[in-house]
Amino acid sequence: QVQLVESGGGLVQPGGSLRLSCAASGCTFSIYIMSWYRQAPGKERELVATITSAGYNTNYADSVKCRFTISRDNAKNTVYLQMNSLKPEDTAVYYCNARRAGQRGGSWGQGTQVTVSS
């Protein structure tokens, strides 16, 4: 099972930016579909962004389109989430997920807290 470690969270003012990173262990990172999820207090975990194994296809939640960008560097076993124009509504614990095509679930990191507040 791939091990995932998120980093890059923190406190930022509305309108600010953060870049989250998710580093994976192992030698098969390139086969995984990578996603970022987030979970705010009292809310269900929601999908934020997904990137396919080759990085050619991405998708985003409507709430983050044009503000967030997911990318990956397979040579570094890392997926990123560049978050711009952050809003208080973006406050959540952000988790990365790795799964193979056609499979449910997959591996999860422990999450990194993002707080957007003035």
N, C-alpha and C. Protein backbone atom coordinates (compact mmCIF):
# COMPACT_ATOMS: atom_id res chain seq x y z
N GLN A 1 0.83 -1.18 0.00
CA GLN A 1 0.00 0.00 0.00
C GLN A 1 0.88 1.24 0.00
N VAL A 2 0.53 2.18 -0.85
CA VAL A 2 1.31 3.40 -0.93
C VAL A 2 1.06 4.26 0.31
N GLN A 3 2.12 4.85 0.81
CA GLN A 3 2.04 5.75 1.96
C GLN A 3 2.07 7.19 1.47
N LEU A 4 1.16 8.00 1.99
CA LEU A 4 1.01 9.38 1.54
C LEU A 4 1.18 10.33 2.70
N VAL A 5 1.92 11.40 2.47
CA VAL A 5 2.14 12.41 3.49
C VAL A 5 1.89 13.78 2.88
N GLU A 6 0.90 14.48 3.41
CA GLU A 6 0.58 15.81 2.94
C GLU A 6 1.38 16.86 3.70
N SER A 7 1.62 17.97 3.05
CA SER A 7 2.27 19.10 3.69
C SER A 7 1.87 20.38 2.96
N GLY A 8 2.18 21.50 3.56
CA GLY A 8 1.95 22.78 2.93
C GLY A 8 0.76 23.56 3.44
N GLY A 9 -0.01 22.97 4.32
CA GLY A 9 -1.15 23.68 4.86
C GLY A 9 -0.71 24.76 5.82
N GLY A 10 -1.67 25.56 6.22
CA GLY A 10 -1.39 26.63 7.15
C GLY A 10 -2.50 27.64 7.19
N LEU A 11 -2.20 28.77 7.79
CA LEU A 11 -3.14 29.87 7.91
C LEU A 11 -2.84 30.91 6.85
N VAL A 12 -3.86 31.31 6.13
CA VAL A 12 -3.69 32.30 5.07
C VAL A 12 -4.90 33.22 5.06
N GLN A 13 -4.67 34.45 4.67
CA GLN A 13 -5.76 35.41 4.56
C GLN A 13 -6.59 35.16 3.31
N PRO A 14 -7.85 35.56 3.34
CA PRO A 14 -8.64 35.46 2.11
C PRO A 14 -7.94 36.16 0.95
N GLY A 15 -7.98 35.51 -0.19
CA GLY A 15 -7.29 36.01 -1.36
C GLY A 15 -5.86 35.54 -1.49
N GLY A 16 -5.35 34.90 -0.47
CA GLY A 16 -3.99 34.40 -0.49
C GLY A 16 -3.87 33.07 -1.20
N SER A 17 -2.66 32.54 -1.17
CA SER A 17 -2.35 31.30 -1.87
C SER A 17 -1.58 30.35 -0.99
N LEU A 18 -1.76 29.08 -1.26
CA LEU A 18 -0.98 28.02 -0.65
C LEU A 18 -0.75 26.94 -1.69
N ARG A 19 0.33 26.21 -1.52
CA ARG A 19 0.57 25.04 -2.34
C ARG A 19 0.71 23.84 -1.44
N LEU A 20 -0.18 22.90 -1.61
CA LEU A 20 -0.12 21.66 -0.87
C LEU A 20 0.68 20.63 -1.65
N SER A 21 1.37 19.78 -0.92
CA SER A 21 2.12 18.70 -1.53
C SER A 21 1.72 17.39 -0.88
N CYS A 22 1.75 16.35 -1.65
CA CYS A 22 1.49 15.01 -1.15
C CYS A 22 2.57 14.11 -1.70
N ALA A 23 3.42 13.64 -0.82
CA ALA A 23 4.53 12.79 -1.20
C ALA A 23 4.18 11.34 -0.95
N ALA A 24 4.45 10.51 -1.93
CA ALA A 24 4.11 9.10 -1.86
C ALA A 24 5.36 8.24 -1.80
N SER A 25 5.24 7.16 -1.09
CA SER A 25 6.31 6.17 -1.05
C SER A 25 6.15 5.19 -2.19
N GLY A 26 7.14 4.36 -2.37
CA GLY A 26 7.05 3.29 -3.34
C GLY A 26 7.56 3.65 -4.72
N CYS A 27 7.45 2.67 -5.59
CA CYS A 27 7.98 2.80 -6.94
C CYS A 27 6.91 2.78 -8.02
N THR A 28 5.65 2.79 -7.63
CA THR A 28 4.56 2.69 -8.58
C THR A 28 3.64 3.89 -8.56
N PHE A 29 4.14 5.03 -8.14
CA PHE A 29 3.33 6.23 -8.04
C PHE A 29 2.66 6.58 -9.37
N SER A 30 3.35 6.34 -10.46
CA SER A 30 2.87 6.76 -11.76
C SER A 30 1.61 6.04 -12.21
N ILE A 31 1.26 4.94 -11.59
CA ILE A 31 0.07 4.21 -12.00
C ILE A 31 -1.19 4.70 -11.30
N TYR A 32 -1.03 5.55 -10.32
CA TYR A 32 -2.16 5.95 -9.50
C TYR A 32 -2.85 7.20 -10.01
N ILE A 33 -4.16 7.16 -9.93
CA ILE A 33 -4.94 8.38 -10.02
C ILE A 33 -4.83 9.07 -8.67
N MET A 34 -4.47 10.33 -8.69
CA MET A 34 -4.28 11.08 -7.46
C MET A 34 -5.37 12.14 -7.32
N SER A 35 -5.84 12.28 -6.12
CA SER A 35 -6.90 13.25 -5.86
C SER A 35 -6.62 13.99 -4.58
N TRP A 36 -7.17 15.17 -4.51
CA TRP A 36 -7.25 15.93 -3.27
C TRP A 36 -8.70 16.00 -2.83
N TYR A 37 -8.91 15.70 -1.58
CA TYR A 37 -10.20 15.84 -0.93
C TYR A 37 -10.05 16.83 0.21
N ARG A 38 -11.17 17.30 0.68
CA ARG A 38 -11.14 18.14 1.86
C ARG A 38 -12.36 17.86 2.72
N GLN A 39 -12.20 18.13 3.99
CA GLN A 39 -13.29 17.94 4.93
C GLN A 39 -13.28 19.07 5.94
N ALA A 40 -14.36 19.81 5.94
CA ALA A 40 -14.55 20.88 6.90
C ALA A 40 -15.34 20.35 8.08
N PRO A 41 -15.22 21.00 9.23
CA PRO A 41 -15.97 20.54 10.40
C PRO A 41 -17.46 20.45 10.12
N GLY A 42 -18.05 19.33 10.48
CA GLY A 42 -19.47 19.13 10.30
C GLY A 42 -19.90 18.82 8.89
N LYS A 43 -18.96 18.66 7.99
CA LYS A 43 -19.30 18.39 6.61
C LYS A 43 -18.70 17.07 6.15
N GLU A 44 -19.27 16.55 5.08
CA GLU A 44 -18.74 15.34 4.49
C GLU A 44 -17.45 15.64 3.73
N ARG A 45 -16.62 14.63 3.64
CA ARG A 45 -15.42 14.78 2.84
C ARG A 45 -15.81 14.93 1.37
N GLU A 46 -15.23 15.90 0.70
CA GLU A 46 -15.59 16.17 -0.68
C GLU A 46 -14.37 16.14 -1.57
N LEU A 47 -14.60 15.73 -2.79
CA LEU A 47 -13.54 15.71 -3.79
C LEU A 47 -13.26 17.12 -4.26
N VAL A 48 -12.00 17.49 -4.26
CA VAL A 48 -11.58 18.81 -4.71
C VAL A 48 -11.03 18.77 -6.12
N ALA A 49 -10.12 17.84 -6.38
CA ALA A 49 -9.47 17.77 -7.67
C ALA A 49 -8.88 16.39 -7.88
N THR A 50 -8.78 15.99 -9.13
CA THR A 50 -8.24 14.70 -9.50
C THR A 50 -7.33 14.86 -10.70
N ILE A 51 -6.28 14.07 -10.72
CA ILE A 51 -5.38 14.05 -11.87
C ILE A 51 -5.06 12.60 -12.20
N THR A 52 -5.08 12.28 -13.46
CA THR A 52 -4.82 10.91 -13.90
C THR A 52 -3.33 10.61 -13.84
N SER A 53 -2.99 9.36 -14.06
CA SER A 53 -1.63 8.91 -13.81
C SER A 53 -0.59 9.62 -14.64
N ALA A 54 -0.92 9.92 -15.89
CA ALA A 54 0.02 10.61 -16.76
C ALA A 54 -0.06 12.13 -16.63
N GLY A 55 -1.05 12.60 -15.90
CA GLY A 55 -1.20 14.03 -15.71
C GLY A 55 -1.90 14.76 -16.84
N TYR A 56 -2.45 14.02 -17.77
CA TYR A 56 -3.08 14.65 -18.92
C TYR A 56 -4.50 15.12 -18.65
N ASN A 57 -5.17 14.45 -17.74
CA ASN A 57 -6.55 14.77 -17.45
C ASN A 57 -6.70 15.21 -16.00
N THR A 58 -7.41 16.29 -15.83
CA THR A 58 -7.70 16.80 -14.50
C THR A 58 -9.17 17.15 -14.41
N ASN A 59 -9.68 17.15 -13.21
CA ASN A 59 -11.00 17.68 -12.98
C ASN A 59 -11.05 18.32 -11.61
N TYR A 60 -12.00 19.22 -11.46
CA TYR A 60 -12.09 20.03 -10.26
C TYR A 60 -13.53 20.16 -9.81
N ALA A 61 -13.69 20.29 -8.53
CA ALA A 61 -14.99 20.68 -8.02
C ALA A 61 -15.33 22.07 -8.53
N ASP A 62 -16.60 22.30 -8.77
CA ASP A 62 -17.02 23.61 -9.26
C ASP A 62 -16.58 24.74 -8.34
N SER A 63 -16.55 24.47 -7.06
CA SER A 63 -16.22 25.49 -6.09
C SER A 63 -14.78 25.97 -6.17
N VAL A 64 -13.91 25.20 -6.82
CA VAL A 64 -12.49 25.57 -6.87
C VAL A 64 -11.98 25.78 -8.28
N LYS A 65 -12.82 25.57 -9.27
CA LYS A 65 -12.39 25.76 -10.65
C LYS A 65 -11.88 27.18 -10.86
N CYS A 66 -10.80 27.28 -11.60
CA CYS A 66 -10.14 28.54 -11.93
C CYS A 66 -9.36 29.13 -10.77
N ARG A 67 -9.40 28.50 -9.62
CA ARG A 67 -8.62 28.95 -8.48
C ARG A 67 -7.55 27.94 -8.07
N PHE A 68 -7.90 26.66 -8.15
CA PHE A 68 -6.98 25.60 -7.74
C PHE A 68 -6.44 24.89 -8.97
N THR A 69 -5.22 24.41 -8.86
CA THR A 69 -4.61 23.63 -9.93
C THR A 69 -3.93 22.41 -9.34
N ILE A 70 -4.30 21.25 -9.83
CA ILE A 70 -3.66 20.02 -9.40
C ILE A 70 -2.60 19.65 -10.43
N SER A 71 -1.48 19.18 -9.96
CA SER A 71 -0.41 18.74 -10.84
C SER A 71 0.35 17.61 -10.17
N ARG A 72 1.17 16.94 -10.93
CA ARG A 72 1.96 15.86 -10.36
C ARG A 72 3.32 15.81 -11.00
N ASP A 73 4.26 15.31 -10.23
CA ASP A 73 5.61 15.08 -10.70
C ASP A 73 5.93 13.64 -10.36
N ASN A 74 5.77 12.78 -11.34
CA ASN A 74 5.95 11.35 -11.08
C ASN A 74 7.39 11.01 -10.71
N ALA A 75 8.33 11.78 -11.21
CA ALA A 75 9.72 11.54 -10.86
C ALA A 75 9.98 11.80 -9.38
N LYS A 76 9.17 12.66 -8.78
CA LYS A 76 9.31 12.98 -7.36
C LYS A 76 8.26 12.31 -6.50
N ASN A 77 7.43 11.49 -7.10
CA ASN A 77 6.36 10.81 -6.37
C ASN A 77 5.50 11.81 -5.58
N THR A 78 5.17 12.90 -6.22
CA THR A 78 4.48 13.97 -5.52
C THR A 78 3.35 14.54 -6.36
N VAL A 79 2.24 14.82 -5.70
CA VAL A 79 1.14 15.53 -6.31
C VAL A 79 0.97 16.85 -5.56
N TYR A 80 0.59 17.88 -6.28
CA TYR A 80 0.48 19.21 -5.72
C TYR A 80 -0.93 19.75 -5.91
N LEU A 81 -1.27 20.65 -5.04
CA LEU A 81 -2.49 21.42 -5.21
C LEU A 81 -2.15 22.89 -4.97
N GLN A 82 -2.09 23.63 -6.05
CA GLN A 82 -1.87 25.07 -5.96
C GLN A 82 -3.21 25.74 -5.74
N MET A 83 -3.34 26.45 -4.65
CA MET A 83 -4.59 27.08 -4.27
C MET A 83 -4.40 28.58 -4.27
N ASN A 84 -5.12 29.24 -5.14
CA ASN A 84 -5.08 30.69 -5.24
C ASN A 84 -6.44 31.27 -4.91
N SER A 85 -6.44 32.55 -4.65
CA SER A 85 -7.68 33.27 -4.34
C SER A 85 -8.49 32.54 -3.28
N LEU A 86 -7.82 32.17 -2.23
CA LEU A 86 -8.46 31.37 -1.20
C LEU A 86 -9.58 32.13 -0.50
N LYS A 87 -10.60 31.38 -0.17
CA LYS A 87 -11.78 31.91 0.50
C LYS A 87 -11.94 31.24 1.85
N PRO A 88 -12.61 31.89 2.78
CA PRO A 88 -12.87 31.23 4.06
C PRO A 88 -13.56 29.88 3.91
N GLU A 89 -14.38 29.73 2.89
CA GLU A 89 -15.06 28.48 2.65
C GLU A 89 -14.12 27.34 2.27
N ASP A 90 -12.89 27.67 1.93
CA ASP A 90 -11.89 26.65 1.62
C ASP A 90 -11.26 26.04 2.87
N THR A 91 -11.57 26.59 4.02
CA THR A 91 -11.02 26.07 5.26
C THR A 91 -11.44 24.63 5.47
N ALA A 92 -10.47 23.76 5.64
CA ALA A 92 -10.74 22.34 5.79
C ALA A 92 -9.43 21.62 6.01
N VAL A 93 -9.54 20.36 6.38
CA VAL A 93 -8.40 19.47 6.32
C VAL A 93 -8.36 18.88 4.92
N TYR A 94 -7.23 19.00 4.28
CA TYR A 94 -7.06 18.52 2.92
C TYR A 94 -6.31 17.20 2.93
N TYR A 95 -6.85 16.23 2.23
CA TYR A 95 -6.29 14.90 2.17
C TYR A 95 -5.95 14.53 0.73
N CYS A 96 -4.87 13.82 0.56
CA CYS A 96 -4.61 13.26 -0.76
C CYS A 96 -4.99 11.79 -0.77
N ASN A 97 -5.33 11.33 -1.94
CA ASN A 97 -5.77 9.96 -2.13
C ASN A 97 -5.13 9.39 -3.37
N ALA A 98 -4.74 8.14 -3.28
CA ALA A 98 -4.17 7.43 -4.42
C ALA A 98 -4.98 6.19 -4.68
N ARG A 99 -5.39 6.00 -5.91
CA ARG A 99 -6.12 4.80 -6.27
C ARG A 99 -5.80 4.43 -7.70
N ARG A 100 -6.02 3.18 -8.01
CA ARG A 100 -5.85 2.72 -9.38
C ARG A 100 -7.15 2.87 -10.14
N ALA A 101 -7.03 2.98 -11.43
CA ALA A 101 -8.20 3.16 -12.27
C ALA A 101 -9.19 2.03 -12.05
N GLY A 102 -10.44 2.38 -11.93
CA GLY A 102 -11.49 1.39 -11.76
C GLY A 102 -11.70 0.89 -10.35
N GLN A 103 -10.92 1.40 -9.41
CA GLN A 103 -11.03 0.96 -8.03
C GLN A 103 -11.59 2.06 -7.15
N ARG A 104 -12.27 1.63 -6.12
CA ARG A 104 -12.78 2.53 -5.10
C ARG A 104 -11.80 2.58 -3.92
N GLY A 105 -11.95 3.61 -3.16
CA GLY A 105 -11.14 3.72 -1.96
C GLY A 105 -9.73 4.15 -2.26
N GLY A 106 -8.79 3.27 -1.99
CA GLY A 106 -7.40 3.58 -2.19
C GLY A 106 -6.72 3.97 -0.89
N SER A 107 -5.60 4.63 -1.03
CA SER A 107 -4.80 5.04 0.12
C SER A 107 -5.01 6.51 0.43
N TRP A 108 -4.94 6.82 1.71
CA TRP A 108 -5.15 8.19 2.19
C TRP A 108 -3.98 8.67 3.01
N GLY A 109 -3.70 9.94 2.88
CA GLY A 109 -2.78 10.58 3.80
C GLY A 109 -3.48 11.00 5.06
N GLN A 110 -2.73 11.57 5.99
CA GLN A 110 -3.28 11.99 7.26
C GLN A 110 -3.92 13.37 7.22
N GLY A 111 -3.68 14.10 6.17
CA GLY A 111 -4.29 15.40 6.00
C GLY A 111 -3.42 16.55 6.45
N THR A 112 -3.69 17.70 5.89
CA THR A 112 -3.03 18.93 6.29
C THR A 112 -4.08 20.03 6.41
N GLN A 113 -4.00 20.78 7.48
CA GLN A 113 -5.01 21.79 7.76
C GLN A 113 -4.77 23.05 6.96
N VAL A 114 -5.82 23.51 6.32
CA VAL A 114 -5.81 24.79 5.64
C VAL A 114 -6.86 25.67 6.29
N THR A 115 -6.43 26.81 6.77
CA THR A 115 -7.34 27.76 7.40
C THR A 115 -7.24 29.08 6.68
N VAL A 116 -8.37 29.55 6.19
CA VAL A 116 -8.43 30.82 5.48
C VAL A 116 -9.25 31.77 6.33
N SER A 117 -8.59 32.76 6.88
CA SER A 117 -9.24 33.66 7.81
C SER A 117 -8.50 34.98 7.84
N SER A 118 -9.26 36.04 8.03
CA SER A 118 -8.68 37.36 8.20
C SER A 118 -8.39 37.67 9.65
